[in-house]
C-alpha cells in the first residue's frame, strides 16, 4: 500500500511504501539565512515530518543535498553533523547546482528513511 503525506500543489512532502519513506526536496523558508542556518531549518522540518510519519533521523538511509555554492559546503556539513550526531549517518551525495528557484535559496535536501 502507498501512503502519501502532506499534499502540496505539485507534490507530497513524503510518500511511504513497503516500510520506506521517500521524502521530497525540502528547503528553508527564511531565505535571509546563510548556508548553515538554512541547513538547520531544513533539518528541523525533516525531524517534524519524519516524526509525523513514524520514523526519525536515525533511520535515514539516503540523502541528496543540492547546494548552490560548493565553497559553503563545510558550513552545511557542520550543521548536518550537529543534527545527526555522527553515529547513524545515511548514504549521501552533495550535488552542486546553479539554481534552486531563488538566488537566496542555498540548499535543498531530499532523503529516504526506513519506517519501523
N, C-alpha and C. Protein backbone atom coordinates (compact mmCIF):
# COMPACT_ATOMS: atom_id res chain seq x y z
N UNK A 1 0.83 -1.17 0.00
CA UNK A 1 0.00 0.00 0.00
C UNK A 1 0.89 1.25 0.00
N UNK A 2 0.46 2.25 -0.73
CA UNK A 2 1.15 3.53 -0.79
C UNK A 2 0.38 4.53 0.07
N UNK A 3 1.12 5.25 0.92
CA UNK A 3 0.52 6.28 1.76
C UNK A 3 1.26 7.58 1.49
N UNK A 4 0.50 8.63 1.20
CA UNK A 4 1.08 9.93 0.88
C UNK A 4 0.86 10.89 2.05
N UNK A 5 1.88 11.71 2.32
CA UNK A 5 1.84 12.62 3.46
C UNK A 5 2.00 14.07 3.01
N UNK A 6 1.17 14.95 3.54
CA UNK A 6 1.28 16.41 3.37
C UNK A 6 1.29 16.84 1.91
N UNK A 7 0.10 16.84 1.32
CA UNK A 7 -0.04 17.22 -0.08
C UNK A 7 0.19 18.72 -0.26
N UNK A 8 0.98 19.04 -1.26
CA UNK A 8 1.18 20.42 -1.70
C UNK A 8 0.66 20.53 -3.13
N UNK A 9 0.79 21.69 -3.72
CA UNK A 9 0.26 21.90 -5.06
C UNK A 9 0.87 20.96 -6.09
N UNK A 10 2.19 20.71 -6.00
CA UNK A 10 2.86 19.93 -7.05
C UNK A 10 3.41 18.59 -6.59
N UNK A 11 3.27 18.28 -5.29
CA UNK A 11 3.88 17.05 -4.77
C UNK A 11 3.35 16.75 -3.38
N UNK A 12 3.73 15.61 -2.86
CA UNK A 12 3.55 15.31 -1.44
C UNK A 12 4.90 15.48 -0.76
N UNK A 13 4.88 15.88 0.50
CA UNK A 13 6.14 16.06 1.24
C UNK A 13 6.87 14.73 1.37
N UNK A 14 6.10 13.63 1.48
CA UNK A 14 6.69 12.30 1.60
C UNK A 14 5.70 11.27 1.10
N UNK A 15 6.25 10.17 0.60
CA UNK A 15 5.43 9.04 0.14
C UNK A 15 6.01 7.78 0.77
N UNK A 16 5.12 6.99 1.37
CA UNK A 16 5.51 5.78 2.09
C UNK A 16 5.09 4.54 1.30
N UNK A 17 6.01 3.56 1.22
CA UNK A 17 5.70 2.30 0.54
C UNK A 17 6.63 1.22 1.06
N UNK A 18 6.07 0.09 1.45
CA UNK A 18 6.84 -1.08 1.91
C UNK A 18 7.88 -0.74 2.97
N UNK A 19 7.49 0.06 3.95
CA UNK A 19 8.39 0.37 5.05
C UNK A 19 9.49 1.37 4.74
N UNK A 20 9.34 2.06 3.61
CA UNK A 20 10.32 3.07 3.22
C UNK A 20 9.59 4.40 3.01
N UNK A 21 10.18 5.47 3.53
CA UNK A 21 9.62 6.81 3.38
C UNK A 21 10.50 7.60 2.41
N UNK A 22 9.92 8.00 1.30
CA UNK A 22 10.61 8.80 0.29
C UNK A 22 10.24 10.26 0.55
N UNK A 23 11.21 11.04 0.94
CA UNK A 23 10.96 12.42 1.35
C UNK A 23 11.39 13.35 0.21
N UNK A 24 10.44 14.17 -0.24
CA UNK A 24 10.72 15.11 -1.32
C UNK A 24 11.73 16.17 -0.91
N UNK A 25 12.15 16.96 -1.86
CA UNK A 25 13.11 18.02 -1.58
C UNK A 25 12.51 19.07 -0.66
N UNK A 26 13.25 19.41 0.38
CA UNK A 26 12.82 20.43 1.33
C UNK A 26 13.85 21.54 1.39
N UNK A 27 13.36 22.77 1.48
CA UNK A 27 14.21 23.94 1.54
C UNK A 27 13.77 24.81 2.72
N UNK A 28 14.61 25.75 3.08
CA UNK A 28 14.29 26.67 4.17
C UNK A 28 13.25 27.69 3.70
N UNK A 29 12.46 28.17 4.64
CA UNK A 29 11.51 29.26 4.35
C UNK A 29 12.20 30.61 4.47
N UNK A 30 13.09 30.74 5.46
CA UNK A 30 13.78 32.01 5.69
C UNK A 30 15.04 32.05 4.83
N UNK A 31 14.91 32.70 3.69
CA UNK A 31 16.00 32.73 2.72
C UNK A 31 17.01 33.83 3.01
N UNK A 32 16.82 34.55 4.09
CA UNK A 32 17.80 35.55 4.51
C UNK A 32 18.93 34.89 5.30
N UNK A 33 18.73 33.66 5.72
CA UNK A 33 19.73 32.93 6.50
C UNK A 33 20.86 32.47 5.59
N UNK A 34 22.02 32.20 6.19
CA UNK A 34 23.16 31.64 5.47
C UNK A 34 23.02 30.14 5.31
N UNK A 35 24.03 29.53 4.73
CA UNK A 35 24.02 28.09 4.44
C UNK A 35 23.80 27.25 5.70
N UNK A 36 24.54 27.52 6.77
CA UNK A 36 24.41 26.73 7.99
C UNK A 36 23.02 26.82 8.57
N UNK A 37 22.47 28.02 8.65
CA UNK A 37 21.15 28.19 9.25
C UNK A 37 20.03 27.68 8.35
N UNK A 38 20.18 27.79 7.03
CA UNK A 38 19.19 27.17 6.15
C UNK A 38 19.21 25.66 6.33
N UNK A 39 20.39 25.10 6.48
CA UNK A 39 20.51 23.65 6.71
C UNK A 39 19.82 23.27 8.02
N UNK A 40 20.06 24.03 9.07
CA UNK A 40 19.43 23.74 10.37
C UNK A 40 17.90 23.81 10.27
N UNK A 41 17.39 24.80 9.56
CA UNK A 41 15.94 24.92 9.41
C UNK A 41 15.37 23.71 8.67
N UNK A 42 16.04 23.28 7.62
CA UNK A 42 15.57 22.10 6.88
C UNK A 42 15.60 20.86 7.77
N UNK A 43 16.64 20.71 8.56
CA UNK A 43 16.74 19.55 9.45
C UNK A 43 15.61 19.55 10.47
N UNK A 44 15.24 20.72 10.98
CA UNK A 44 14.08 20.79 11.90
C UNK A 44 12.81 20.36 11.18
N UNK A 45 12.65 20.80 9.94
CA UNK A 45 11.48 20.39 9.15
C UNK A 45 11.47 18.88 8.93
N UNK A 46 12.64 18.32 8.64
CA UNK A 46 12.73 16.87 8.44
C UNK A 46 12.39 16.11 9.72
N UNK A 47 12.88 16.61 10.86
CA UNK A 47 12.54 15.98 12.14
C UNK A 47 11.03 15.91 12.32
N UNK A 48 10.35 17.03 12.09
CA UNK A 48 8.90 17.08 12.28
C UNK A 48 8.17 16.16 11.30
N UNK A 49 8.57 16.18 10.05
CA UNK A 49 7.91 15.34 9.04
C UNK A 49 8.13 13.86 9.34
N UNK A 50 9.37 13.48 9.66
CA UNK A 50 9.64 12.07 9.95
C UNK A 50 8.88 11.61 11.19
N UNK A 51 8.80 12.44 12.21
CA UNK A 51 8.03 12.08 13.41
C UNK A 51 6.56 11.85 13.05
N UNK A 52 6.02 12.72 12.23
CA UNK A 52 4.62 12.58 11.79
C UNK A 52 4.41 11.28 11.03
N UNK A 53 5.44 10.82 10.34
CA UNK A 53 5.35 9.62 9.51
C UNK A 53 5.82 8.36 10.23
N UNK A 54 6.20 8.49 11.50
CA UNK A 54 6.56 7.31 12.27
C UNK A 54 8.01 6.87 12.18
N UNK A 55 8.89 7.80 11.88
CA UNK A 55 10.31 7.46 11.82
C UNK A 55 11.12 8.62 12.38
N UNK A 56 12.44 8.52 12.29
CA UNK A 56 13.29 9.61 12.77
C UNK A 56 14.63 9.59 12.05
N UNK A 57 15.46 10.57 12.36
CA UNK A 57 16.72 10.74 11.64
C UNK A 57 17.68 9.56 11.78
N UNK A 58 17.53 8.74 12.82
CA UNK A 58 18.40 7.58 12.96
C UNK A 58 18.10 6.51 11.91
N UNK A 59 16.99 6.65 11.22
CA UNK A 59 16.59 5.68 10.21
C UNK A 59 16.76 6.22 8.79
N UNK A 60 17.44 7.36 8.66
CA UNK A 60 17.72 7.87 7.32
C UNK A 60 18.61 6.89 6.58
N UNK A 61 18.25 6.57 5.37
CA UNK A 61 19.02 5.66 4.53
C UNK A 61 19.88 6.42 3.53
N UNK A 62 19.32 7.49 2.98
CA UNK A 62 20.00 8.23 1.93
C UNK A 62 19.58 9.69 1.98
N UNK A 63 20.51 10.57 1.61
CA UNK A 63 20.20 11.99 1.45
C UNK A 63 20.89 12.50 0.19
N UNK A 64 20.16 13.30 -0.54
CA UNK A 64 20.72 14.02 -1.68
C UNK A 64 20.61 15.50 -1.33
N UNK A 65 21.75 16.14 -1.24
CA UNK A 65 21.80 17.54 -0.82
C UNK A 65 22.25 18.37 -2.01
N UNK A 66 21.41 19.31 -2.39
CA UNK A 66 21.70 20.19 -3.52
C UNK A 66 22.09 21.54 -2.96
N UNK A 67 23.27 22.03 -3.32
CA UNK A 67 23.71 23.34 -2.84
C UNK A 67 24.17 24.19 -4.02
N UNK A 68 23.98 25.50 -3.89
CA UNK A 68 24.30 26.42 -4.98
C UNK A 68 25.72 26.96 -4.91
N UNK A 69 26.40 26.73 -3.79
CA UNK A 69 27.75 27.27 -3.63
C UNK A 69 28.61 26.25 -2.89
N UNK A 70 29.43 25.52 -3.64
CA UNK A 70 30.25 24.47 -3.03
C UNK A 70 31.28 25.04 -2.06
N UNK A 71 31.59 26.31 -2.15
CA UNK A 71 32.53 26.89 -1.19
C UNK A 71 31.92 26.97 0.21
N UNK A 72 30.61 26.80 0.31
CA UNK A 72 29.92 26.82 1.60
C UNK A 72 29.55 25.42 2.08
N UNK A 73 30.10 24.41 1.43
CA UNK A 73 29.77 23.02 1.78
C UNK A 73 30.13 22.71 3.23
N UNK A 74 31.24 23.21 3.72
CA UNK A 74 31.64 22.90 5.10
C UNK A 74 30.66 23.49 6.11
N UNK A 75 30.08 24.66 5.82
CA UNK A 75 29.03 25.22 6.69
C UNK A 75 27.85 24.26 6.76
N UNK A 76 27.47 23.72 5.60
CA UNK A 76 26.38 22.75 5.55
C UNK A 76 26.76 21.50 6.32
N UNK A 77 27.99 21.00 6.11
CA UNK A 77 28.44 19.79 6.81
C UNK A 77 28.40 19.98 8.33
N UNK A 78 28.80 21.14 8.81
CA UNK A 78 28.79 21.41 10.25
C UNK A 78 27.38 21.31 10.80
N UNK A 79 26.42 21.97 10.16
CA UNK A 79 25.03 21.93 10.61
C UNK A 79 24.46 20.52 10.49
N UNK A 80 24.79 19.82 9.43
CA UNK A 80 24.32 18.46 9.18
C UNK A 80 24.78 17.52 10.29
N UNK A 81 26.06 17.61 10.64
CA UNK A 81 26.61 16.73 11.69
C UNK A 81 26.12 17.12 13.08
N UNK A 82 25.87 18.41 13.31
CA UNK A 82 25.26 18.83 14.58
C UNK A 82 23.91 18.14 14.74
N UNK A 83 23.16 18.07 13.66
CA UNK A 83 21.82 17.48 13.69
C UNK A 83 21.89 15.96 13.84
N UNK A 84 22.73 15.31 13.05
CA UNK A 84 22.76 13.85 13.05
C UNK A 84 23.60 13.25 14.17
N UNK A 85 24.53 13.99 14.66
CA UNK A 85 25.43 13.43 15.66
C UNK A 85 26.67 12.87 14.99
N UNK A 86 26.59 11.75 14.43
CA UNK A 86 27.75 11.16 13.77
C UNK A 86 27.72 9.65 13.77
N UNK A 87 26.74 9.07 14.43
CA UNK A 87 26.64 7.61 14.51
C UNK A 87 25.80 7.02 13.39
N UNK A 88 24.60 7.54 13.20
CA UNK A 88 23.65 6.97 12.25
C UNK A 88 23.60 7.81 10.98
N UNK A 89 24.71 7.82 10.25
CA UNK A 89 24.80 8.64 9.04
C UNK A 89 24.23 7.89 7.85
N UNK A 90 23.44 8.59 7.02
CA UNK A 90 22.93 7.96 5.81
C UNK A 90 23.97 7.98 4.71
N UNK A 91 23.74 7.20 3.67
CA UNK A 91 24.50 7.38 2.44
C UNK A 91 24.13 8.76 1.92
N UNK A 92 25.09 9.46 1.33
CA UNK A 92 24.81 10.85 0.99
C UNK A 92 25.57 11.29 -0.25
N UNK A 93 24.94 12.17 -1.01
CA UNK A 93 25.61 12.86 -2.10
C UNK A 93 25.32 14.34 -1.96
N UNK A 94 26.33 15.16 -2.18
CA UNK A 94 26.16 16.61 -2.22
C UNK A 94 26.39 17.03 -3.66
N UNK A 95 25.38 17.65 -4.24
CA UNK A 95 25.39 17.99 -5.65
C UNK A 95 25.37 19.50 -5.80
N UNK A 96 26.33 20.04 -6.50
CA UNK A 96 26.35 21.47 -6.78
C UNK A 96 25.40 21.79 -7.92
N UNK A 97 24.55 22.79 -7.72
CA UNK A 97 23.58 23.20 -8.74
C UNK A 97 23.68 24.71 -8.93
N UNK A 98 23.26 25.18 -10.07
CA UNK A 98 23.33 26.60 -10.38
C UNK A 98 22.16 27.38 -9.79
N UNK A 99 21.00 26.72 -9.62
CA UNK A 99 19.79 27.48 -9.27
C UNK A 99 18.80 26.58 -8.54
N UNK A 100 18.25 27.08 -7.45
CA UNK A 100 17.20 26.37 -6.72
C UNK A 100 15.90 27.20 -6.69
N UNK A 101 15.72 28.01 -7.73
CA UNK A 101 14.45 28.74 -7.87
C UNK A 101 14.46 30.16 -7.32
N UNK A 102 15.40 30.47 -6.46
CA UNK A 102 15.54 31.80 -5.88
C UNK A 102 17.03 31.95 -5.55
N UNK A 103 17.66 33.04 -5.93
CA UNK A 103 19.10 33.16 -5.69
C UNK A 103 19.49 33.12 -4.21
N UNK A 104 18.53 33.35 -3.32
CA UNK A 104 18.80 33.30 -1.88
C UNK A 104 18.66 31.88 -1.32
N UNK A 105 18.04 30.98 -2.09
CA UNK A 105 17.89 29.59 -1.64
C UNK A 105 19.20 28.88 -1.91
N UNK A 106 19.88 28.47 -0.85
CA UNK A 106 21.22 27.93 -0.94
C UNK A 106 21.27 26.41 -0.92
N UNK A 107 20.20 25.76 -0.43
CA UNK A 107 20.25 24.32 -0.20
C UNK A 107 18.85 23.72 -0.27
N UNK A 108 18.79 22.49 -0.77
CA UNK A 108 17.57 21.68 -0.76
C UNK A 108 18.01 20.25 -0.44
N UNK A 109 17.23 19.57 0.40
CA UNK A 109 17.56 18.21 0.80
C UNK A 109 16.39 17.27 0.48
N UNK A 110 16.69 16.19 -0.23
CA UNK A 110 15.73 15.11 -0.48
C UNK A 110 16.32 13.86 0.18
N UNK A 111 15.47 13.03 0.77
CA UNK A 111 16.02 11.89 1.50
C UNK A 111 15.08 10.69 1.49
N UNK A 112 15.61 9.60 1.99
CA UNK A 112 14.86 8.34 2.11
C UNK A 112 15.12 7.79 3.50
N UNK A 113 14.06 7.34 4.17
CA UNK A 113 14.19 6.78 5.52
C UNK A 113 13.40 5.50 5.64
N UNK A 114 13.88 4.62 6.51
CA UNK A 114 13.14 3.40 6.84
C UNK A 114 12.06 3.75 7.87
N UNK A 115 10.98 3.00 7.83
CA UNK A 115 9.93 3.12 8.82
C UNK A 115 9.79 1.78 9.51
N UNK A 116 9.86 1.77 10.84
CA UNK A 116 9.71 0.51 11.59
C UNK A 116 8.29 0.32 12.03
